[in-house]
C-alpha atoms as a PDB file:
ATOM      1  CA  MET A   1     162.661 103.265 117.666  1.00  0.00           C
ATOM      2  CA  LEU A   2     166.478 104.862 118.796  1.00  0.00           C
ATOM      3  CA  TYR A   3     167.716 102.154 116.013  1.00  0.00           C
ATOM      4  CA  THR A   4     165.475 102.856 113.475  1.00  0.00           C
ATOM      5  CA  LEU A   5     165.482 106.851 113.414  1.00  0.00           C
ATOM      6  CA  THR A   6     169.053 106.970 114.365  1.00  0.00           C
ATOM      7  CA  GLY A   7     170.434 103.914 113.404  1.00  0.00           C
ATOM      8  CA  LEU A   8     169.468 103.325 109.768  1.00  0.00           C
ATOM      9  CA  PHE A   9     168.317 106.667 108.198  1.00  0.00           C
ATOM     10  CA  GLN A  10     170.900 108.875 109.900  1.00  0.00           C
ATOM     11  CA  ILE A  11     168.531 111.201 111.740  1.00  0.00           C
ATOM     12  CA  ASN A  12     169.956 112.999 114.531  1.00  0.00           C
ATOM     13  CA  ILE A  13     169.867 111.794 117.802  1.00  0.00           C
ATOM     14  CA  LEU A  14     168.393 114.935 118.867  1.00  0.00           C
ATOM     15  CA  SER A  15     165.710 114.744 117.033  1.00  0.00           C
ATOM     16  CA  THR A  16     164.716 111.046 117.825  1.00  0.00           C
ATOM     17  CA  ILE A  17     164.320 111.673 121.414  1.00  0.00           C
ATOM     18  CA  ILE A  18     162.073 114.804 120.982  1.00  0.00           C
ATOM     19  CA  ILE A  19     159.527 113.016 118.775  1.00  0.00           C
ATOM     20  CA  SER A  20     160.075 109.208 121.385  1.00  0.00           C
ATOM     21  CA  PHE A  21     158.983 111.818 124.064  1.00  0.00           C
ATOM     22  CA  ILE A  22     156.286 113.424 122.528  1.00  0.00           C
ATOM     23  CA  LEU A  23     155.003 109.736 121.038  1.00  0.00           C
ATOM     24  CA  SER A  24     155.271 108.582 124.061  1.00  0.00           C
ATOM     25  CA  SER A  25     153.366 111.203 125.752  1.00  0.00           C
ATOM     26  CA  LEU A  26     150.216 110.814 123.126  1.00  0.00           C
ATOM     27  CA  THR A  27     150.145 107.249 123.225  1.00  0.00           C
ATOM     28  CA  TYR A  28     150.285 106.222 126.438  1.00  0.00           C
ATOM     29  CA  PRO A  29     147.120 108.040 127.640  1.00  0.00           C
ATOM     30  CA  GLY A  30     145.394 106.472 124.650  1.00  0.00           C
ATOM     31  CA  ASP A  31     146.348 102.921 126.151  1.00  0.00           C
ATOM     32  CA  VAL A  32     145.474 103.460 129.264  1.00  0.00           C
ATOM     33  CA  LEU A  33     142.594 104.842 128.780  1.00  0.00           C
ATOM     34  CA  ILE A  34     140.701 103.137 125.355  1.00  0.00           C
ATOM     35  CA  LEU A  35     142.259 100.174 125.300  1.00  0.00           C
ATOM     36  CA  PRO A  36     139.975  98.503 127.778  1.00  0.00           C
ATOM     37  CA  LYS A  37     137.081  99.441 125.828  1.00  0.00           C
ATOM     38  CA  ILE A  38     138.352  98.418 122.382  1.00  0.00           C
ATOM     39  CA  SER A  39     140.388  95.146 121.257  1.00  0.00           C
ATOM     40  CA  ASN A  40     144.001  94.837 120.679  1.00  0.00           C
ATOM     41  CA  ILE A  41     143.843  94.651 117.196  1.00  0.00           C
ATOM     42  CA  THR A  42     141.645  98.247 117.092  1.00  0.00           C
ATOM     43  CA  ALA A  43     144.114  99.502 119.371  1.00  0.00           C
ATOM     44  CA  ILE A  44     147.048  98.522 117.247  1.00  0.00           C
ATOM     45  CA  ILE A  45     145.823  99.975 114.125  1.00  0.00           C
ATOM     46  CA  THR A  46     145.001 103.301 115.618  1.00  0.00           C
ATOM     47  CA  ASP A  47     148.752 102.932 117.637  1.00  0.00           C
ATOM     48  CA  PHE A  48     150.489 102.777 113.984  1.00  0.00           C
ATOM     49  CA  LEU A  49     148.219 105.338 112.252  1.00  0.00           C
ATOM     50  CA  LEU A  50     149.190 107.297 115.390  1.00  0.00           C
ATOM     51  CA  ILE A  51     152.970 106.681 115.006  1.00  0.00           C
ATOM     52  CA  VAL A  52     153.261 107.258 111.489  1.00  0.00           C
ATOM     53  CA  PHE A  53     151.076 110.541 111.175  1.00  0.00           C
ATOM     54  CA  ILE A  54     153.349 111.939 115.132  1.00  0.00           C
ATOM     55  CA  ILE A  55     156.618 111.183 113.137  1.00  0.00           C
ATOM     56  CA  SER A  56     155.098 112.244 109.836  1.00  0.00           C
ATOM     57  CA  LEU A  57     154.189 115.286 110.734  1.00  0.00           C
ATOM     58  CA  LEU A  58     157.294 115.718 113.950  1.00  0.00           C
ATOM     59  CA  GLY A  59     159.871 114.771 110.377  1.00  0.00           C
ATOM     60  CA  LEU A  60     159.245 118.049 108.809  1.00  0.00           C
ATOM     61  CA  LEU A  61     159.843 120.258 111.857  1.00  0.00           C
ATOM     62  CA  LEU A  62     162.700 118.011 112.853  1.00  0.00           C
ATOM     63  CA  ILE A  63     164.074 115.712 109.482  1.00  0.00           C
ATOM     64  CA  LYS A  64     166.106 117.719 106.911  1.00  0.00           C
ATOM     65  CA  PRO A  65     166.363 115.397 104.406  1.00  0.00           C
ATOM     66  CA  PHE A  66     162.615 114.689 103.356  1.00  0.00           C
ATOM     67  CA  ASN A  67     162.752 111.996 101.137  1.00  0.00           C
ATOM     68  CA  VAL A  68     163.268 110.358 104.203  1.00  0.00           C
ATOM     69  CA  ILE A  69     160.854 110.778 106.111  1.00  0.00           C
ATOM     70  CA  GLY A  70     157.812 108.392 104.817  1.00  0.00           C
ATOM     71  CA  PRO A  71     160.111 105.816 104.868  1.00  0.00           C
ATOM     72  CA  ALA A  72     161.245 105.772 108.136  1.00  0.00           C
ATOM     73  CA  SER A  73     157.726 106.197 109.661  1.00  0.00           C
ATOM     74  CA  ILE A  74     156.668 102.987 108.460  1.00  0.00           C
ATOM     75  CA  PHE A  75     159.383 101.335 110.078  1.00  0.00           C
ATOM     76  CA  SER A  76     159.124 102.815 112.591  1.00  0.00           C
ATOM     77  CA  GLY A  77     155.216 102.153 112.931  1.00  0.00           C
ATOM     78  CA  ILE A  78     156.285  98.273 112.344  1.00  0.00           C
ATOM     79  CA  PHE A  79     159.102  98.441 115.210  1.00  0.00           C
ATOM     80  CA  MET A  80     156.643  99.853 117.696  1.00  0.00           C
ATOM     81  CA  ILE A  81     153.606  98.098 117.519  1.00  0.00           C
ATOM     82  CA  ILE A  82     155.236  94.785 117.471  1.00  0.00           C
ATOM     83  CA  GLY A  83     156.445  96.245 120.656  1.00  0.00           C
ATOM     84  CA  GLU A  84     153.191  97.911 121.251  1.00  0.00           C
ATOM     85  CA  LEU A  85     151.405  94.303 121.486  1.00  0.00           C
ATOM     86  CA  TYR A  86     153.366  93.090 123.797  1.00  0.00           C
ATOM     87  CA  PHE A  87     152.672  95.664 126.197  1.00  0.00           C
ATOM     88  CA  HIS A  88     148.849  95.985 125.123  1.00  0.00           C
ATOM     89  CA  ARG A  89     149.197  92.413 127.022  1.00  0.00           C
ATOM     90  CA  TYR A  90     150.740  93.217 129.786  1.00  0.00           C
ATOM     91  CA  MET A  91     148.634  95.990 130.430  1.00  0.00           C
ATOM     92  CA  GLN A  92     145.861  93.569 130.212  1.00  0.00           C
ATOM     93  CA  GLU A  93     147.027  91.217 131.993  1.00  0.00           C
ATOM     94  CA  ARG A  94     148.919  93.596 135.146  1.00  0.00           C
ATOM     95  CA  ILE A  95     148.066  96.813 135.116  1.00  0.00           C
ATOM     96  CA  LEU A  96     143.954  97.140 133.511  1.00  0.00           C
ATOM     97  CA  VAL A  97     143.107  94.224 135.801  1.00  0.00           C
ATOM     98  CA  HIS A  98     139.363  94.752 137.699  1.00  0.00           C
ATOM     99  CA  HIS A  99     139.504  93.368 140.818  1.00  0.00           C
ATOM    100  CA  ASP A 100     135.433  91.868 141.889  1.00  0.00           C
ATOM    101  CA  HIS A 101     134.486  93.130 145.094  1.00  0.00           C
ATOM    102  CA  LYS A 102     131.232  91.169 144.730  1.00  0.00           C
ATOM    103  CA  ASN A 103     132.166  88.804 147.424  1.00  0.00           C
ATOM    104  CA  PHE A 104     133.033  91.105 150.131  1.00  0.00           C
ATOM    105  CA  ASN A 105     130.911  91.057 152.978  1.00  0.00           C
ATOM    106  CA  ASN A 106     130.547  93.627 155.083  1.00  0.00           C
ATOM    107  CA  ASN A 107     129.150  91.152 157.945  1.00  0.00           C
ATOM    108  CA  LEU A 108     132.048  89.669 158.601  1.00  0.00           C
ATOM    109  CA  LEU A 109     134.407  93.263 159.862  1.00  0.00           C
ATOM    110  CA  GLN A 110     135.199  93.574 163.324  1.00  0.00           C
ATOM    111  CA  THR A 111     136.084  96.357 165.791  1.00  0.00           C
ATOM    112  CA  GLU A 112     138.472  95.926 169.055  1.00  0.00           C
ATOM    113  CA  PHE A 113     137.829  98.132 171.612  1.00  0.00           C
ATOM    114  CA  SER A 114     139.933  98.691 174.865  1.00  0.00           C
ATOM    115  CA  ASN A 115     140.849 100.351 177.639  1.00  0.00           C
ATOM    116  CA  GLU A 116     143.040 102.457 177.942  1.00  0.00           C
ATOM    117  CA  LEU A 117     145.310 101.953 181.634  1.00  0.00           C
ATOM    118  CA  ILE A 118     146.478 104.970 183.210  1.00  0.00           C
ATOM    119  CA  ILE A 119     148.492 103.679 185.954  1.00  0.00           C
ATOM    120  CA  GLY A 120     149.203 107.126 188.351  1.00  0.00           C
ATOM    121  CA  GLU A 121     148.641 107.065 192.188  1.00  0.00           C
ATOM    122  CA  GLU A 122     145.007 107.103 192.276  1.00  0.00           C
ATOM    123  CA  GLU A 123     144.603 104.291 189.620  1.00  0.00           C
ATOM    124  CA  SER A 124     147.658 102.592 190.958  1.00  0.00           C
ATOM    125  CA  SER A 125     145.035 101.718 194.539  1.00  0.00           C
ATOM    126  CA  GLN A 126     142.248 100.641 192.213  1.00  0.00           C
ATOM    127  CA  PHE A 127     144.005  98.691 190.541  1.00  0.00           C
ATOM    128  CA  LYS A 128     145.728  97.076 193.375  1.00  0.00           C
ATOM    129  CA  GLU A 129     141.838  96.824 194.473  1.00  0.00           C
ATOM    130  CA  LYS A 130     140.338  94.507 192.487  1.00  0.00           C
END
């Protein structure tokens, strides 16, 4: 997104960083909470619409040439969903893995107990007698 907004559309780098920070803080919780419940395609379409909407909305506040906001938000959305394809696959394979605990058998647990030996004058005589 940095290359798209700053490189192609000559938008201020500070505005791009602010937009990136706000966009990341809004989309990541959605990926963690919603992605396990919906399909990957639905999540990507939702992310694209959210990216275009947020960049357009924040672009009205931060970007001075208003004629650049539409194409910048659409190109950024396209480049972001390409990254989201790989990010969602990574999240589903590595982060959102649910471990199956059905094979856990409580009967296989073992506990060890021991007595502590305190060797002092009284104890040493008992220890030597045995």
